[in-house]
Structure formats: structure tokens, C-alpha cells
Amino acid sequence: MLDSSPAIRPLPGHYQDFLDENELELACDMLETYAQDQVTKEFWLALHDAATKMQLPNASWFERFAGNTETKS
């Protein structure tokens, strides 16, 4: 779901630390910051679904991002 462009920067190393420590909200926040202008609508919808299941207060933001994303080929 990430754009396959070679210009994509790698995720910061501490992203995996957040996952390992079950800090899923921090990992989700990091994905949001990382993903600006680099992902497809489907990415935002998947992030919205995950945030909703975790009952995060910012889950609705991801659905809004999906609505503002052009479909990438």
C-alpha cells in the first residue's frame, strides 16, 4: 500500500521498538507522520480500521486522509 517510488524514506528504527513494546498508538502515530503524500487511499483505510479496533480517539482522521488521497497506480 506504500507507493513504490524509490524516493520513499525508510521507517525510523524506533517504529519496531513501539511494536515490540505493544505501544500501538505510538506506532500508529508514526505511520501517520511517515505516510503523508506517500501512500494510497487503501493504506489510510487500513490504518483507520486498525485505529478503530484499538479504539484510538484519532481514528476518524485516517478516514479523512483517505478521502483526500488520489488513487495511485
PDB file of N, CA and C in Angstrom:
ATOM      1  N   MET A   1       0.797  -1.190   0.000  1.00  0.00           N
ATOM      2  CA  MET A   1       0.000   0.000   0.000  1.00  0.00           C
ATOM      3  C   MET A   1       0.846   1.262   0.000  1.00  0.00           C
ATOM      4  N   LEU A   2       2.123   1.111   0.259  1.00  0.00           N
ATOM      5  CA  LEU A   2       3.005   2.257   0.128  1.00  0.00           C
ATOM      6  C   LEU A   2       3.324   2.454  -1.336  1.00  0.00           C
ATOM      7  N   ASP A   3       3.500   3.675  -1.730  1.00  0.00           N
ATOM      8  CA  ASP A   3       3.883   3.998  -3.087  1.00  0.00           C
ATOM      9  C   ASP A   3       5.220   3.320  -3.382  1.00  0.00           C
ATOM     10  N   SER A   4       5.382   2.741  -4.556  1.00  0.00           N
ATOM     11  CA  SER A   4       6.609   2.017  -4.885  1.00  0.00           C
ATOM     12  C   SER A   4       7.721   2.927  -5.378  1.00  0.00           C
ATOM     13  N   SER A   5       7.546   4.209  -5.277  1.00  0.00           N
ATOM     14  CA  SER A   5       8.546   5.169  -5.704  1.00  0.00           C
ATOM     15  C   SER A   5       9.857   4.983  -4.941  1.00  0.00           C
ATOM     16  N   PRO A   6      11.008   5.102  -5.625  1.00  0.00           N
ATOM     17  CA  PRO A   6      12.293   4.956  -4.935  1.00  0.00           C
ATOM     18  C   PRO A   6      12.574   6.092  -3.963  1.00  0.00           C
ATOM     19  N   ALA A   7      11.781   7.149  -3.992  1.00  0.00           N
ATOM     20  CA  ALA A   7      12.011   8.286  -3.113  1.00  0.00           C
ATOM     21  C   ALA A   7      11.455   8.070  -1.697  1.00  0.00           C
ATOM     22  N   ILE A   8      10.813   6.952  -1.461  1.00  0.00           N
ATOM     23  CA  ILE A   8      10.233   6.694  -0.139  1.00  0.00           C
ATOM     24  C   ILE A   8      11.347   6.507   0.872  1.00  0.00           C
ATOM     25  N   ARG A   9      11.204   7.197   1.994  1.00  0.00           N
ATOM     26  CA  ARG A   9      12.198   7.076   3.049  1.00  0.00           C
ATOM     27  C   ARG A   9      11.840   5.896   3.942  1.00  0.00           C
ATOM     28  N   PRO A  10      12.843   5.230   4.523  1.00  0.00           N
ATOM     29  CA  PRO A  10      12.544   4.093   5.390  1.00  0.00           C
ATOM     30  C   PRO A  10      11.906   4.545   6.702  1.00  0.00           C
ATOM     31  N   LEU A  11      11.163   3.652   7.320  1.00  0.00           N
ATOM     32  CA  LEU A  11      10.586   3.944   8.631  1.00  0.00           C
ATOM     33  C   LEU A  11      11.713   4.097   9.646  1.00  0.00           C
ATOM     34  N   PRO A  12      11.574   5.019  10.589  1.00  0.00           N
ATOM     35  CA  PRO A  12      12.581   5.149  11.638  1.00  0.00           C
ATOM     36  C   PRO A  12      12.718   3.850  12.430  1.00  0.00           C
ATOM     37  N   GLY A  13      13.912   3.576  12.923  1.00  0.00           N
ATOM     38  CA  GLY A  13      14.190   2.336  13.644  1.00  0.00           C
ATOM     39  C   GLY A  13      13.343   2.129  14.877  1.00  0.00           C
ATOM     40  N   HIS A  14      12.950   3.208  15.545  1.00  0.00           N
ATOM     41  CA  HIS A  14      12.184   3.024  16.771  1.00  0.00           C
ATOM     42  C   HIS A  14      10.729   2.637  16.517  1.00  0.00           C
ATOM     43  N   TYR A  15      10.303   2.604  15.287  1.00  0.00           N
ATOM     44  CA  TYR A  15       8.963   2.109  14.958  1.00  0.00           C
ATOM     45  C   TYR A  15       8.821   0.657  15.429  1.00  0.00           C
ATOM     46  N   GLN A  16       9.823  -0.160  15.112  1.00  0.00           N
ATOM     47  CA  GLN A  16       9.782  -1.571  15.537  1.00  0.00           C
ATOM     48  C   GLN A  16       9.799  -1.683  17.057  1.00  0.00           C
ATOM     49  N   ASP A  17      10.515  -0.789  17.721  1.00  0.00           N
ATOM     50  CA  ASP A  17      10.520  -0.784  19.191  1.00  0.00           C
ATOM     51  C   ASP A  17       9.119  -0.557  19.740  1.00  0.00           C
ATOM     52  N   PHE A  18       8.378   0.368  19.120  1.00  0.00           N
ATOM     53  CA  PHE A  18       6.998   0.614  19.554  1.00  0.00           C
ATOM     54  C   PHE A  18       6.153  -0.649  19.405  1.00  0.00           C
ATOM     55  N   LEU A  19       6.321  -1.345  18.298  1.00  0.00           N
ATOM     56  CA  LEU A  19       5.572  -2.581  18.090  1.00  0.00           C
ATOM     57  C   LEU A  19       5.968  -3.635  19.115  1.00  0.00           C
ATOM     58  N   ASP A  20       7.282  -3.770  19.338  1.00  0.00           N
ATOM     59  CA  ASP A  20       7.772  -4.773  20.291  1.00  0.00           C
ATOM     60  C   ASP A  20       7.274  -4.517  21.706  1.00  0.00           C
ATOM     61  N   GLU A  21       7.110  -3.248  22.060  1.00  0.00           N
ATOM     62  CA  GLU A  21       6.665  -2.881  23.400  1.00  0.00           C
ATOM     63  C   GLU A  21       5.143  -2.715  23.489  1.00  0.00           C
ATOM     64  N   ASN A  22       4.441  -3.099  22.417  1.00  0.00           N
ATOM     65  CA  ASN A  22       2.985  -3.008  22.356  1.00  0.00           C
ATOM     66  C   ASN A  22       2.483  -1.566  22.514  1.00  0.00           C
ATOM     67  N   GLU A  23       3.287  -0.617  22.054  1.00  0.00           N
ATOM     68  CA  GLU A  23       2.903   0.800  22.043  1.00  0.00           C
ATOM     69  C   GLU A  23       2.277   1.091  20.684  1.00  0.00           C
ATOM     70  N   LEU A  24       1.115   0.497  20.466  1.00  0.00           N
ATOM     71  CA  LEU A  24       0.496   0.536  19.140  1.00  0.00           C
ATOM     72  C   LEU A  24       0.015   1.923  18.757  1.00  0.00           C
ATOM     73  N   GLU A  25      -0.412   2.709  19.711  1.00  0.00           N
ATOM     74  CA  GLU A  25      -0.853   4.067  19.378  1.00  0.00           C
ATOM     75  C   GLU A  25       0.331   4.904  18.898  1.00  0.00           C
ATOM     76  N   LEU A  26       1.491   4.748  19.538  1.00  0.00           N
ATOM     77  CA  LEU A  26       2.681   5.470  19.083  1.00  0.00           C
ATOM     78  C   LEU A  26       3.103   5.002  17.691  1.00  0.00           C
ATOM     79  N   ALA A  27       3.021   3.702  17.445  1.00  0.00           N
ATOM     80  CA  ALA A  27       3.348   3.169  16.123  1.00  0.00           C
ATOM     81  C   ALA A  27       2.387   3.719  15.072  1.00  0.00           C
ATOM     82  N   CYS A  28       1.132   3.794  15.415  1.00  0.00           N
ATOM     83  CA  CYS A  28       0.114   4.330  14.507  1.00  0.00           C
ATOM     84  C   CYS A  28       0.392   5.802  14.206  1.00  0.00           C
ATOM     85  N   ASP A  29       0.733   6.561  15.247  1.00  0.00           N
ATOM     86  CA  ASP A  29       1.073   7.979  15.053  1.00  0.00           C
ATOM     87  C   ASP A  29       2.283   8.131  14.144  1.00  0.00           C
ATOM     88  N   MET A  30       3.264   7.248  14.307  1.00  0.00           N
ATOM     89  CA  MET A  30       4.461   7.314  13.475  1.00  0.00           C
ATOM     90  C   MET A  30       4.111   7.012  12.012  1.00  0.00           C
ATOM     91  N   LEU A  31       3.245   6.042  11.793  1.00  0.00           N
ATOM     92  CA  LEU A  31       2.818   5.734  10.424  1.00  0.00           C
ATOM     93  C   LEU A  31       2.098   6.919   9.800  1.00  0.00           C
ATOM     94  N   GLU A  32       1.289   7.592  10.591  1.00  0.00           N
ATOM     95  CA  GLU A  32       0.579   8.766  10.072  1.00  0.00           C
ATOM     96  C   GLU A  32       1.569   9.827   9.609  1.00  0.00           C
ATOM     97  N   THR A  33       2.562  10.104  10.413  1.00  0.00           N
ATOM     98  CA  THR A  33       3.568  11.107  10.063  1.00  0.00           C
ATOM     99  C   THR A  33       4.379  10.671   8.849  1.00  0.00           C
ATOM    100  N   TYR A  34       4.770   9.430   8.828  1.00  0.00           N
ATOM    101  CA  TYR A  34       5.570   8.880   7.742  1.00  0.00           C
ATOM    102  C   TYR A  34       4.822   8.893   6.414  1.00  0.00           C
ATOM    103  N   ALA A  35       3.553   8.625   6.471  1.00  0.00           N
ATOM    104  CA  ALA A  35       2.782   8.339   5.265  1.00  0.00           C
ATOM    105  C   ALA A  35       2.341   9.558   4.471  1.00  0.00           C
ATOM    106  N   GLN A  36       2.466  10.737   4.999  1.00  0.00           N
ATOM    107  CA  GLN A  36       1.982  11.924   4.294  1.00  0.00           C
ATOM    108  C   GLN A  36       2.463  11.927   2.844  1.00  0.00           C
ATOM    109  N   ASP A  37       1.535  11.959   1.923  1.00  0.00           N
ATOM    110  CA  ASP A  37       1.792  12.046   0.473  1.00  0.00           C
ATOM    111  C   ASP A  37       2.544  10.853  -0.111  1.00  0.00           C
ATOM    112  N   GLN A  38       2.597   9.731   0.574  1.00  0.00           N
ATOM    113  CA  GLN A  38       3.355   8.594   0.057  1.00  0.00           C
ATOM    114  C   GLN A  38       2.538   7.322  -0.077  1.00  0.00           C
ATOM    115  N   VAL A  39       1.292   7.362   0.291  1.00  0.00           N
ATOM    116  CA  VAL A  39       0.527   6.121   0.342  1.00  0.00           C
ATOM    117  C   VAL A  39      -0.793   6.231  -0.412  1.00  0.00           C
ATOM    118  N   THR A  40      -1.393   5.102  -0.596  1.00  0.00           N
ATOM    119  CA  THR A  40      -2.667   5.027  -1.303  1.00  0.00           C
ATOM    120  C   THR A  40      -3.842   5.220  -0.346  1.00  0.00           C
ATOM    121  N   LYS A  41      -4.994   5.397  -0.935  1.00  0.00           N
ATOM    122  CA  LYS A  41      -6.232   5.510  -0.159  1.00  0.00           C
ATOM    123  C   LYS A  41      -6.440   4.252   0.695  1.00  0.00           C
ATOM    124  N   GLU A  42      -6.090   3.105   0.160  1.00  0.00           N
ATOM    125  CA  GLU A  42      -6.261   1.844   0.876  1.00  0.00           C
ATOM    126  C   GLU A  42      -5.422   1.806   2.149  1.00  0.00           C
ATOM    127  N   PHE A  43      -4.232   2.419   2.120  1.00  0.00           N
ATOM    128  CA  PHE A  43      -3.399   2.489   3.319  1.00  0.00           C
ATOM    129  C   PHE A  43      -4.137   3.223   4.429  1.00  0.00           C
ATOM    130  N   TRP A  44      -4.683   4.397   4.098  1.00  0.00           N
ATOM    131  CA  TRP A  44      -5.398   5.187   5.104  1.00  0.00           C
ATOM    132  C   TRP A  44      -6.611   4.448   5.634  1.00  0.00           C
ATOM    133  N   LEU A  45      -7.322   3.728   4.764  1.00  0.00           N
ATOM    134  CA  LEU A  45      -8.485   2.970   5.217  1.00  0.00           C
ATOM    135  C   LEU A  45      -8.070   1.824   6.142  1.00  0.00           C
ATOM    136  N   ALA A  46      -6.959   1.176   5.833  1.00  0.00           N
ATOM    137  CA  ALA A  46      -6.463   0.104   6.705  1.00  0.00           C
ATOM    138  C   ALA A  46      -6.014   0.673   8.049  1.00  0.00           C
ATOM    139  N   LEU A  47      -5.362   1.833   8.029  1.00  0.00           N
ATOM    140  CA  LEU A  47      -4.946   2.468   9.280  1.00  0.00           C
ATOM    141  C   LEU A  47      -6.172   2.896  10.086  1.00  0.00           C
ATOM    142  N   HIS A  48      -7.196   3.394   9.402  1.00  0.00           N
ATOM    143  CA  HIS A  48      -8.450   3.753  10.074  1.00  0.00           C
ATOM    144  C   HIS A  48      -9.069   2.523  10.732  1.00  0.00           C
ATOM    145  N   ASP A  49      -9.092   1.409  10.011  1.00  0.00           N
ATOM    146  CA  ASP A  49      -9.669   0.177  10.555  1.00  0.00           C
ATOM    147  C   ASP A  49      -8.901  -0.271  11.801  1.00  0.00           C
ATOM    148  N   ALA A  50      -7.575  -0.240  11.732  1.00  0.00           N
ATOM    149  CA  ALA A  50      -6.760  -0.649  12.884  1.00  0.00           C
ATOM    150  C   ALA A  50      -6.976   0.290  14.070  1.00  0.00           C
ATOM    151  N   ALA A  51      -6.988   1.583  13.815  1.00  0.00           N
ATOM    152  CA  ALA A  51      -7.180   2.563  14.894  1.00  0.00           C
ATOM    153  C   ALA A  51      -8.569   2.430  15.512  1.00  0.00           C
ATOM    154  N   THR A  52      -9.563   2.131  14.697  1.00  0.00           N
ATOM    155  CA  THR A  52     -10.917   1.931  15.211  1.00  0.00           C
ATOM    156  C   THR A  52     -10.963   0.706  16.121  1.00  0.00           C
ATOM    157  N   LYS A  53     -10.318  -0.371  15.695  1.00  0.00           N
ATOM    158  CA  LYS A  53     -10.305  -1.591  16.506  1.00  0.00           C
ATOM    159  C   LYS A  53      -9.567  -1.375  17.827  1.00  0.00           C
ATOM    160  N   MET A  54      -8.564  -0.490  17.821  1.00  0.00           N
ATOM    161  CA  MET A  54      -7.832  -0.172  19.051  1.00  0.00           C
ATOM    162  C   MET A  54      -8.541   0.903  19.865  1.00  0.00           C
ATOM    163  N   GLN A  55      -9.652   1.408  19.322  1.00  0.00           N
ATOM    164  CA  GLN A  55     -10.451   2.460  19.961  1.00  0.00           C
ATOM    165  C   GLN A  55      -9.626   3.729  20.218  1.00  0.00           C
ATOM    166  N   LEU A  56      -8.787   4.080  19.235  1.00  0.00           N
ATOM    167  CA  LEU A  56      -7.993   5.300  19.348  1.00  0.00           C
ATOM    168  C   LEU A  56      -8.861   6.505  19.038  1.00  0.00           C
ATOM    169  N   PRO A  57      -8.677   7.589  19.776  1.00  0.00           N
ATOM    170  CA  PRO A  57      -9.527   8.764  19.568  1.00  0.00           C
ATOM    171  C   PRO A  57      -9.334   9.438  18.210  1.00  0.00           C
ATOM    172  N   ASN A  58      -8.199   9.236  17.571  1.00  0.00           N
ATOM    173  CA  ASN A  58      -7.933   9.900  16.292  1.00  0.00           C
ATOM    174  C   ASN A  58      -8.262   9.025  15.079  1.00  0.00           C
ATOM    175  N   ALA A  59      -8.984   7.946  15.266  1.00  0.00           N
ATOM    176  CA  ALA A  59      -9.276   7.017  14.169  1.00  0.00           C
ATOM    177  C   ALA A  59      -9.983   7.706  12.997  1.00  0.00           C
ATOM    178  N   SER A  60     -10.880   8.630  13.287  1.00  0.00           N
ATOM    179  CA  SER A  60     -11.621   9.276  12.205  1.00  0.00           C
ATOM    180  C   SER A  60     -10.730  10.114  11.298  1.00  0.00           C
ATOM    181  N   TRP A  61      -9.599  10.573  11.812  1.00  0.00           N
ATOM    182  CA  TRP A  61      -8.677  11.355  10.977  1.00  0.00           C
ATOM    183  C   TRP A  61      -8.200  10.543   9.787  1.00  0.00           C
ATOM    184  N   PHE A  62      -7.934   9.256   9.998  1.00  0.00           N
ATOM    185  CA  PHE A  62      -7.393   8.431   8.922  1.00  0.00           C
ATOM    186  C   PHE A  62      -8.397   8.260   7.788  1.00  0.00           C
ATOM    187  N   GLU A  63      -9.666   8.181   8.141  1.00  0.00           N
ATOM    188  CA  GLU A  63     -10.698   8.099   7.106  1.00  0.00           C
ATOM    189  C   GLU A  63     -10.735   9.395   6.306  1.00  0.00           C
ATOM    190  N   ARG A  64     -10.529  10.520   6.965  1.00  0.00           N
ATOM    191  CA  ARG A  64     -10.492  11.799   6.263  1.00  0.00           C
ATOM    192  C   ARG A  64      -9.303  11.867   5.309  1.00  0.00           C
ATOM    193  N   PHE A  65      -8.145  11.367   5.760  1.00  0.00           N
ATOM    194  CA  PHE A  65      -6.978  11.339   4.886  1.00  0.00           C
ATOM    195  C   PHE A  65      -7.272  10.498   3.641  1.00  0.00           C
ATOM    196  N   ALA A  66      -7.965   9.381   3.821  1.00  0.00           N
ATOM    197  CA  ALA A  66      -8.300   8.511   2.691  1.00  0.00           C
ATOM    198  C   ALA A  66      -9.141   9.270   1.673  1.00  0.00           C
ATOM    199  N   GLY A  67     -10.047  10.097   2.152  1.00  0.00           N
ATOM    200  CA  GLY A  67     -10.894  10.865   1.254  1.00  0.00           C
ATOM    201  C   GLY A  67     -10.149  11.948   0.498  1.00  0.00           C
ATOM    202  N   ASN A  68      -9.004  12.347   1.022  1.00  0.00           N
ATOM    203  CA  ASN A  68      -8.204  13.390   0.384  1.00  0.00           C
ATOM    204  C   ASN A  68      -7.039  12.860  -0.417  1.00  0.00           C
ATOM    205  N   THR A  69      -6.953  11.534  -0.588  1.00  0.00           N
ATOM    206  CA  THR A  69      -5.846  10.914  -1.277  1.00  0.00           C
ATOM    207  C   THR A  69      -6.252  10.534  -2.687  1.00  0.00           C
ATOM    208  N   GLU A  70      -5.441  10.921  -3.631  1.00  0.00           N
ATOM    209  CA  GLU A  70      -5.670  10.500  -5.012  1.00  0.00           C
ATOM    210  C   GLU A  70      -5.249   9.049  -5.124  1.00  0.00           C
ATOM    211  N   THR A  71      -5.988   8.260  -5.887  1.00  0.00           N
ATOM    212  CA  THR A  71      -5.622   6.864  -6.102  1.00  0.00           C
ATOM    213  C   THR A  71      -4.351   6.816  -6.930  1.00  0.00           C
ATOM    214  N   LYS A  72      -3.345   6.101  -6.394  1.00  0.00           N
ATOM    215  CA  LYS A  72      -2.065   5.964  -7.096  1.00  0.00           C
ATOM    216  C   LYS A  72      -2.044   4.640  -7.829  1.00  0.00           C
ATOM    217  N   SER A  73      -1.420   4.635  -8.984  1.00  0.00           N
ATOM    218  CA  SER A  73      -1.385   3.391  -9.773  1.00  0.00           C
ATOM    219  C   SER A  73      -0.168   2.579  -9.457  1.00  0.00           C
TER     220      SER A  73
END
